[in-house]
Amino acid sequence: MEKFGLMLGKEGYWDGYDSNTNPNIIDAFSAAAFRFGHSLLPTAVERWSKAHKFISSKRLSELIRRPYDLYRAGVMDEYLMGLMNQVAQAMDDSITQEVTNHLLKKPGMRFGLDLVAFNMQRGREFGVPGYMEFRKFCGLPTANSFEEMFGSMPNSTVYRYMSIFEHPNDVDLWSGGVSERPLPGSMIGPTFACIIATQLSYARRGDRFWYELPNQPSSFTPEQLQEIRKVKLSRIMCDNTDLLDTIQIYPMVLPDHEINPRVPCRAGIIPSVDLTKWADYPDTAVPQAQFVSNIGYSLLKK
């Protein structure tokens, strides 16, 4: 985070905009690196009650194909509760068959589509260079033989590569990236970490409307920035669900009585945004606008 300038400020402004930085999305990010989450997909998606009790589960392939549960009152909240309580999958080269054999499977059919095959073909159609090219780009050791790949990923994966490819340079970026052993304190390996951090750095430094920038017509006041910095995902979920009464401070981490306890949404422990910091008062109000409904725009009175 520090190496790529991605640490968000705790107070004041960040004046790091660079007009020469291109914030467009790089293909390696969109076609491979940011699809690491496919490894985290569960075989079944769970529903939990407002009391944090398991209700039921549904196969992921069925939910993707027929998401009609979500139209029933309260069920969306129950799936959100499930996301907060269901144990996450490990980040590795093992992908659930729900998306490798049964993705968008039609009724009556034994098999569906294969998300991993899509990922591989997408990278090739985009012209994304191979895994070793991005190891080189990121300043990481490359391999001239498969034996040199032992240690950076499971041995079983390297042996599979030996049976498929002629040379390590033939390994596709997505496949190699999801197979890497994660960095300490991270769920992804060094190659994907480098690509994702590079892209996010471009997106921050090249965005003239980045929320932390000063001296722009769109800039927030220091007081507004401090309110934005108070926002937590747990607060957003409390404010936008109907059933949720208690939630852990970090909702996508399993609850723990000491380091991640569940707290009541209404107890004031999870801070709320003070929207009065955005209020317009009479001495700063914009001119009164008259809305013309038939053409859909406003005319300012003189």
Protein backbone atom coordinates (compact mmCIF):
# COMPACT_ATOMS: atom_id res chain seq x y z
CA MET A 1 0.00 0.00 0.00
CA GLU A 2 2.74 2.46 0.94
CA LYS A 3 4.95 1.47 -2.01
CA PHE A 4 2.20 2.37 -4.49
CA GLY A 5 0.92 5.44 -2.65
CA LEU A 6 -2.43 3.89 -1.74
CA MET A 7 -2.59 4.81 1.94
CA LEU A 8 -5.65 6.99 2.50
CA GLY A 9 -5.17 10.09 4.63
CA LYS A 10 -6.65 10.32 8.11
CA GLU A 11 -7.08 14.09 7.93
CA GLY A 12 -6.70 16.97 5.51
CA TYR A 13 -6.27 16.75 1.75
CA TRP A 14 -4.16 14.62 -0.57
CA ASP A 15 -2.62 16.65 -3.40
CA GLY A 16 -1.23 13.84 -5.54
CA TYR A 17 -3.11 14.37 -8.81
CA ASP A 18 -0.91 13.97 -11.89
CA SER A 19 -2.41 15.07 -15.21
CA ASN A 20 0.12 12.87 -17.04
CA THR A 21 -1.13 9.68 -15.37
CA ASN A 22 -3.57 7.65 -17.47
CA PRO A 23 -6.31 6.27 -15.19
CA ASN A 24 -7.78 3.92 -17.82
CA ILE A 25 -8.14 0.27 -16.85
CA ILE A 26 -5.27 -1.94 -17.99
CA ASP A 27 -6.16 -5.26 -19.61
CA ALA A 28 -4.13 -7.35 -17.17
CA PHE A 29 -6.25 -5.93 -14.34
CA SER A 30 -9.68 -6.36 -15.95
CA ALA A 31 -9.06 -9.64 -17.76
CA ALA A 32 -7.06 -11.44 -15.08
CA ALA A 33 -5.85 -9.94 -11.81
CA PHE A 34 -9.11 -8.52 -10.48
CA ARG A 35 -10.85 -11.81 -11.25
CA PHE A 36 -8.95 -13.48 -8.41
CA GLY A 37 -12.26 -13.57 -6.53
CA HIS A 38 -13.46 -16.46 -8.67
CA SER A 39 -11.30 -18.64 -6.42
CA LEU A 40 -13.31 -17.46 -3.41
CA LEU A 41 -16.73 -18.47 -4.74
CA PRO A 42 -18.55 -20.92 -2.45
CA THR A 43 -20.31 -24.07 -3.55
CA ALA A 44 -23.46 -22.97 -1.70
CA VAL A 45 -24.71 -19.56 -0.58
CA GLU A 46 -26.16 -19.47 2.93
CA ARG A 47 -29.07 -17.56 4.44
CA TRP A 48 -28.92 -16.52 8.10
CA SER A 49 -31.53 -14.97 10.38
CA LYS A 50 -31.36 -11.61 12.15
CA ALA A 51 -30.35 -13.59 15.24
CA HIS A 52 -27.31 -14.87 13.30
CA LYS A 53 -28.71 -18.40 13.03
CA PHE A 54 -28.36 -20.57 9.92
CA ILE A 55 -31.61 -20.91 7.92
CA SER A 56 -30.74 -22.72 4.69
CA SER A 57 -28.41 -22.73 1.71
CA LYS A 58 -28.74 -22.89 -2.05
CA ARG A 59 -26.27 -24.12 -4.65
CA LEU A 60 -24.43 -21.22 -6.26
CA SER A 61 -25.25 -22.39 -9.79
CA GLU A 62 -28.97 -22.50 -8.95
CA LEU A 63 -28.90 -19.04 -7.39
CA ILE A 64 -27.10 -17.53 -10.39
CA ARG A 65 -29.54 -19.10 -12.84
CA ARG A 66 -32.69 -18.54 -10.77
CA PRO A 67 -32.22 -15.66 -8.31
CA TYR A 68 -35.94 -15.33 -7.64
CA ASP A 69 -35.52 -15.77 -3.88
CA LEU A 70 -34.31 -12.19 -3.81
CA TYR A 71 -37.77 -10.91 -4.75
CA ARG A 72 -39.23 -12.23 -1.50
CA ALA A 73 -39.49 -9.78 1.38
CA GLY A 74 -36.55 -10.02 3.76
CA VAL A 75 -34.60 -12.63 1.81
CA MET A 76 -31.99 -10.17 0.55
CA ASP A 77 -31.20 -9.27 4.15
CA GLU A 78 -30.90 -12.97 5.02
CA TYR A 79 -28.37 -13.50 2.23
CA LEU A 80 -26.42 -10.47 3.49
CA MET A 81 -26.48 -12.03 6.95
CA GLY A 82 -25.14 -15.19 5.34
CA LEU A 83 -22.27 -13.29 3.74
CA MET A 84 -21.30 -12.02 7.18
CA ASN A 85 -21.44 -15.45 8.84
CA GLN A 86 -20.47 -17.99 6.18
CA VAL A 87 -16.86 -19.17 6.26
CA ALA A 88 -14.96 -17.87 3.22
CA GLN A 89 -13.18 -20.12 0.75
CA ALA A 90 -9.40 -20.14 0.56
CA MET A 91 -7.64 -18.18 -2.16
CA ASP A 92 -6.00 -20.87 -4.29
CA ASP A 93 -6.17 -22.60 -7.66
CA SER A 94 -9.20 -24.68 -6.63
CA ILE A 95 -12.43 -23.36 -8.16
CA THR A 96 -15.85 -24.72 -7.25
CA GLN A 97 -17.53 -26.94 -9.84
CA GLU A 98 -20.58 -24.73 -9.49
CA VAL A 99 -18.90 -22.35 -11.95
CA THR A 100 -16.54 -24.72 -13.78
CA ASN A 101 -19.13 -27.36 -14.71
CA HIS A 102 -22.53 -25.85 -13.93
CA LEU A 103 -22.38 -22.10 -14.67
CA LEU A 104 -25.70 -20.95 -16.18
CA LYS A 105 -26.74 -24.59 -16.60
CA LYS A 106 -30.09 -24.85 -18.37
CA PRO A 107 -32.91 -26.88 -16.78
CA GLY A 108 -32.63 -30.56 -17.63
CA MET A 109 -28.99 -30.31 -18.71
CA ARG A 110 -26.18 -32.11 -16.88
CA PHE A 111 -23.57 -29.42 -17.43
CA GLY A 112 -23.32 -25.70 -18.02
CA LEU A 113 -20.50 -23.31 -18.89
CA ASP A 114 -16.98 -23.04 -17.45
CA LEU A 115 -15.90 -19.75 -15.86
CA VAL A 116 -12.23 -20.75 -15.74
CA ALA A 117 -12.24 -21.47 -19.48
CA PHE A 118 -13.80 -18.04 -20.00
CA ASN A 119 -11.01 -16.43 -17.97
CA MET A 120 -8.30 -18.16 -19.97
CA GLN A 121 -9.89 -17.37 -23.33
CA ARG A 122 -10.60 -13.76 -22.33
CA GLY A 123 -6.95 -13.15 -21.54
CA ARG A 124 -5.89 -14.61 -24.88
CA GLU A 125 -8.47 -12.64 -26.86
CA PHE A 126 -7.42 -9.44 -25.06
CA GLY A 127 -3.81 -10.16 -25.98
CA VAL A 128 -2.69 -10.17 -22.34
CA PRO A 129 0.95 -11.33 -22.06
CA GLY A 130 1.67 -14.49 -20.12
CA TYR A 131 2.25 -14.99 -16.41
CA MET A 132 6.05 -14.81 -16.65
CA GLU A 133 5.93 -11.51 -18.52
CA PHE A 134 4.11 -9.92 -15.61
CA ARG A 135 6.49 -11.48 -13.10
CA LYS A 136 9.22 -9.65 -15.02
CA PHE A 137 7.18 -6.42 -15.16
CA CYS A 138 6.74 -6.52 -11.39
CA GLY A 139 10.42 -7.15 -10.70
CA LEU A 140 9.78 -10.69 -9.49
CA PRO A 141 11.94 -13.75 -10.27
CA THR A 142 11.02 -15.53 -13.50
CA ALA A 143 11.44 -19.19 -14.38
CA ASN A 144 13.16 -20.77 -17.37
CA SER A 145 12.12 -24.25 -16.25
CA PHE A 146 9.14 -25.61 -14.40
CA GLU A 147 11.38 -26.76 -11.57
CA GLU A 148 12.08 -23.11 -10.77
CA MET A 149 8.37 -22.56 -10.09
CA PHE A 150 8.37 -24.86 -7.06
CA GLY A 151 7.99 -22.83 -3.89
CA SER A 152 5.96 -20.00 -5.40
CA MET A 153 2.89 -22.22 -5.83
CA PRO A 154 1.77 -25.75 -4.85
CA ASN A 155 3.88 -28.57 -6.27
CA SER A 156 0.75 -30.24 -7.66
CA THR A 157 0.02 -27.15 -9.75
CA VAL A 158 3.54 -27.08 -11.18
CA TYR A 159 3.24 -30.76 -12.15
CA ARG A 160 -0.03 -30.01 -13.93
CA TYR A 161 1.66 -27.20 -15.83
CA MET A 162 4.41 -29.64 -16.85
CA SER A 163 1.79 -31.92 -18.38
CA ILE A 164 0.07 -29.09 -20.27
CA PHE A 165 2.67 -26.54 -21.34
CA GLU A 166 6.06 -26.81 -23.02
CA HIS A 167 7.61 -23.88 -21.13
CA PRO A 168 6.77 -21.64 -18.13
CA ASN A 169 6.37 -18.74 -20.57
CA ASP A 170 3.24 -20.48 -21.88
CA VAL A 171 1.36 -20.23 -18.56
CA ASP A 172 -1.60 -17.84 -18.75
CA LEU A 173 -1.64 -14.85 -16.39
CA TRP A 174 -4.91 -15.66 -14.61
CA SER A 175 -3.95 -19.28 -13.98
CA GLY A 176 -0.49 -18.45 -12.67
CA GLY A 177 -1.76 -15.55 -10.58
CA VAL A 178 -4.44 -17.48 -8.69
CA SER A 179 -2.01 -20.34 -8.08
CA GLU A 180 0.63 -18.26 -6.28
CA ARG A 181 1.10 -18.57 -2.55
CA PRO A 182 -0.33 -15.44 -0.89
CA LEU A 183 1.85 -12.69 0.48
CA PRO A 184 1.98 -12.32 4.29
CA GLY A 185 -1.18 -10.61 5.48
CA SER A 186 -2.78 -10.86 2.03
CA MET A 187 -5.04 -13.26 0.20
CA ILE A 188 -3.27 -12.87 -3.16
CA GLY A 189 0.22 -13.56 -4.39
CA PRO A 190 2.88 -11.06 -5.48
CA THR A 191 2.03 -10.89 -9.19
CA PHE A 192 -1.66 -10.09 -8.77
CA ALA A 193 -0.83 -7.78 -5.86
CA CYS A 194 1.53 -5.82 -8.12
CA ILE A 195 -0.98 -5.55 -10.99
CA ILE A 196 -3.88 -4.54 -8.76
CA ALA A 197 -1.82 -2.00 -6.82
CA THR A 198 -0.45 -0.52 -10.06
CA GLN A 199 -3.96 -0.09 -11.45
CA LEU A 200 -5.34 1.45 -8.27
CA SER A 201 -2.38 3.82 -8.14
CA TYR A 202 -3.12 4.95 -11.70
CA ALA A 203 -6.80 5.36 -10.84
CA ARG A 204 -6.02 7.54 -7.83
CA ARG A 205 -3.25 9.71 -9.26
CA GLY A 206 -4.98 10.19 -12.62
CA ASP A 207 -8.44 11.11 -11.31
CA ARG A 208 -9.06 14.87 -11.30
CA PHE A 209 -12.21 14.27 -9.26
CA TRP A 210 -10.59 12.12 -6.56
CA TYR A 211 -12.45 12.87 -3.35
CA GLU A 212 -9.35 13.86 -1.33
CA LEU A 213 -8.12 16.52 -3.79
CA PRO A 214 -8.00 20.20 -2.75
CA ASN A 215 -8.56 23.35 -4.83
CA GLN A 216 -11.08 21.84 -7.24
CA PRO A 217 -14.64 23.11 -7.81
CA SER A 218 -15.75 19.63 -6.71
CA SER A 219 -13.52 19.48 -3.61
CA PHE A 220 -15.04 18.56 -0.28
CA THR A 221 -14.47 20.76 2.74
CA PRO A 222 -12.14 19.39 5.45
CA GLU A 223 -15.20 18.80 7.65
CA GLN A 224 -16.95 16.82 4.90
CA LEU A 225 -13.84 14.72 4.33
CA GLN A 226 -13.73 13.80 7.99
CA GLU A 227 -17.34 12.64 7.82
CA ILE A 228 -16.58 10.52 4.75
CA ARG A 229 -13.64 8.93 6.58
CA LYS A 230 -15.98 7.84 9.35
CA VAL A 231 -17.96 5.60 6.98
CA LYS A 232 -17.77 1.87 7.71
CA LEU A 233 -19.31 -0.98 5.73
CA SER A 234 -21.07 -2.09 8.90
CA ARG A 235 -22.81 1.30 9.11
CA ILE A 236 -23.88 1.11 5.47
CA MET A 237 -25.37 -2.35 6.03
CA CYS A 238 -27.15 -1.24 9.19
CA ASP A 239 -28.70 1.76 7.42
CA ASN A 240 -29.80 -0.09 4.28
CA THR A 241 -31.32 -3.31 5.58
CA ASP A 242 -34.64 -3.99 7.26
CA LEU A 243 -33.81 -6.98 9.49
CA LEU A 244 -30.35 -6.21 10.77
CA ASP A 245 -30.19 -5.41 14.49
CA THR A 246 -26.62 -6.41 15.38
CA ILE A 247 -23.48 -6.63 13.29
CA GLN A 248 -19.78 -7.17 13.79
CA ILE A 249 -17.59 -4.07 13.42
CA TYR A 250 -15.88 -5.57 10.35
CA PRO A 251 -18.81 -7.34 8.70
CA MET A 252 -16.85 -9.43 6.19
CA VAL A 253 -14.68 -10.90 8.96
CA LEU A 254 -16.15 -13.60 11.19
CA PRO A 255 -17.24 -12.26 14.59
CA ASP A 256 -14.98 -12.56 17.61
CA HIS A 257 -15.90 -11.48 21.13
CA GLU A 258 -12.61 -9.63 21.61
CA ILE A 259 -11.37 -8.32 18.26
CA ASN A 260 -14.55 -8.19 16.15
CA PRO A 261 -17.60 -8.20 18.43
CA ARG A 262 -21.19 -7.89 17.32
CA VAL A 263 -22.74 -4.59 18.39
CA PRO A 264 -26.26 -3.15 18.04
CA CYS A 265 -26.77 -0.99 14.97
CA ARG A 266 -28.53 1.65 17.08
CA ALA A 267 -26.07 1.76 19.97
CA GLY A 268 -24.01 4.58 18.48
CA ILE A 269 -20.84 2.47 18.54
CA ILE A 270 -20.61 2.43 14.74
CA PRO A 271 -20.35 6.10 13.70
CA SER A 272 -22.88 7.69 11.37
CA VAL A 273 -22.23 10.42 8.81
CA ASP A 274 -23.30 13.91 9.86
CA LEU A 275 -25.06 15.15 6.72
CA THR A 276 -25.42 18.65 8.15
CA LYS A 277 -21.85 19.21 6.91
CA TRP A 278 -23.38 19.33 3.41
CA ALA A 279 -26.25 21.66 4.32
CA ASP A 280 -26.74 24.91 2.41
CA TYR A 281 -27.60 27.82 4.66
CA PRO A 282 -29.42 30.99 3.52
CA ASP A 283 -26.28 33.06 3.06
CA THR A 284 -24.66 30.41 0.81
CA ALA A 285 -27.75 29.02 -0.93
CA VAL A 286 -27.80 28.70 -4.72
CA PRO A 287 -30.35 30.82 -6.64
CA GLN A 288 -33.87 29.44 -6.49
CA ALA A 289 -34.60 27.07 -9.37
CA GLN A 290 -37.87 26.62 -11.20
CA PHE A 291 -38.35 23.07 -12.48
CA VAL A 292 -39.94 22.68 -15.91
CA SER A 293 -41.33 19.16 -15.86
CA ASN A 294 -42.31 18.80 -19.49
CA ILE A 295 -38.76 19.19 -20.82
CA GLY A 296 -36.90 17.94 -17.74
CA TYR A 297 -34.51 20.73 -16.86
CA SER A 298 -34.29 23.70 -14.51
CA LEU A 299 -34.23 27.39 -15.35
CA LEU A 300 -32.60 29.72 -12.89
CA LYS A 301 -34.61 32.83 -12.11
CA LYS A 302 -32.82 36.10 -12.52
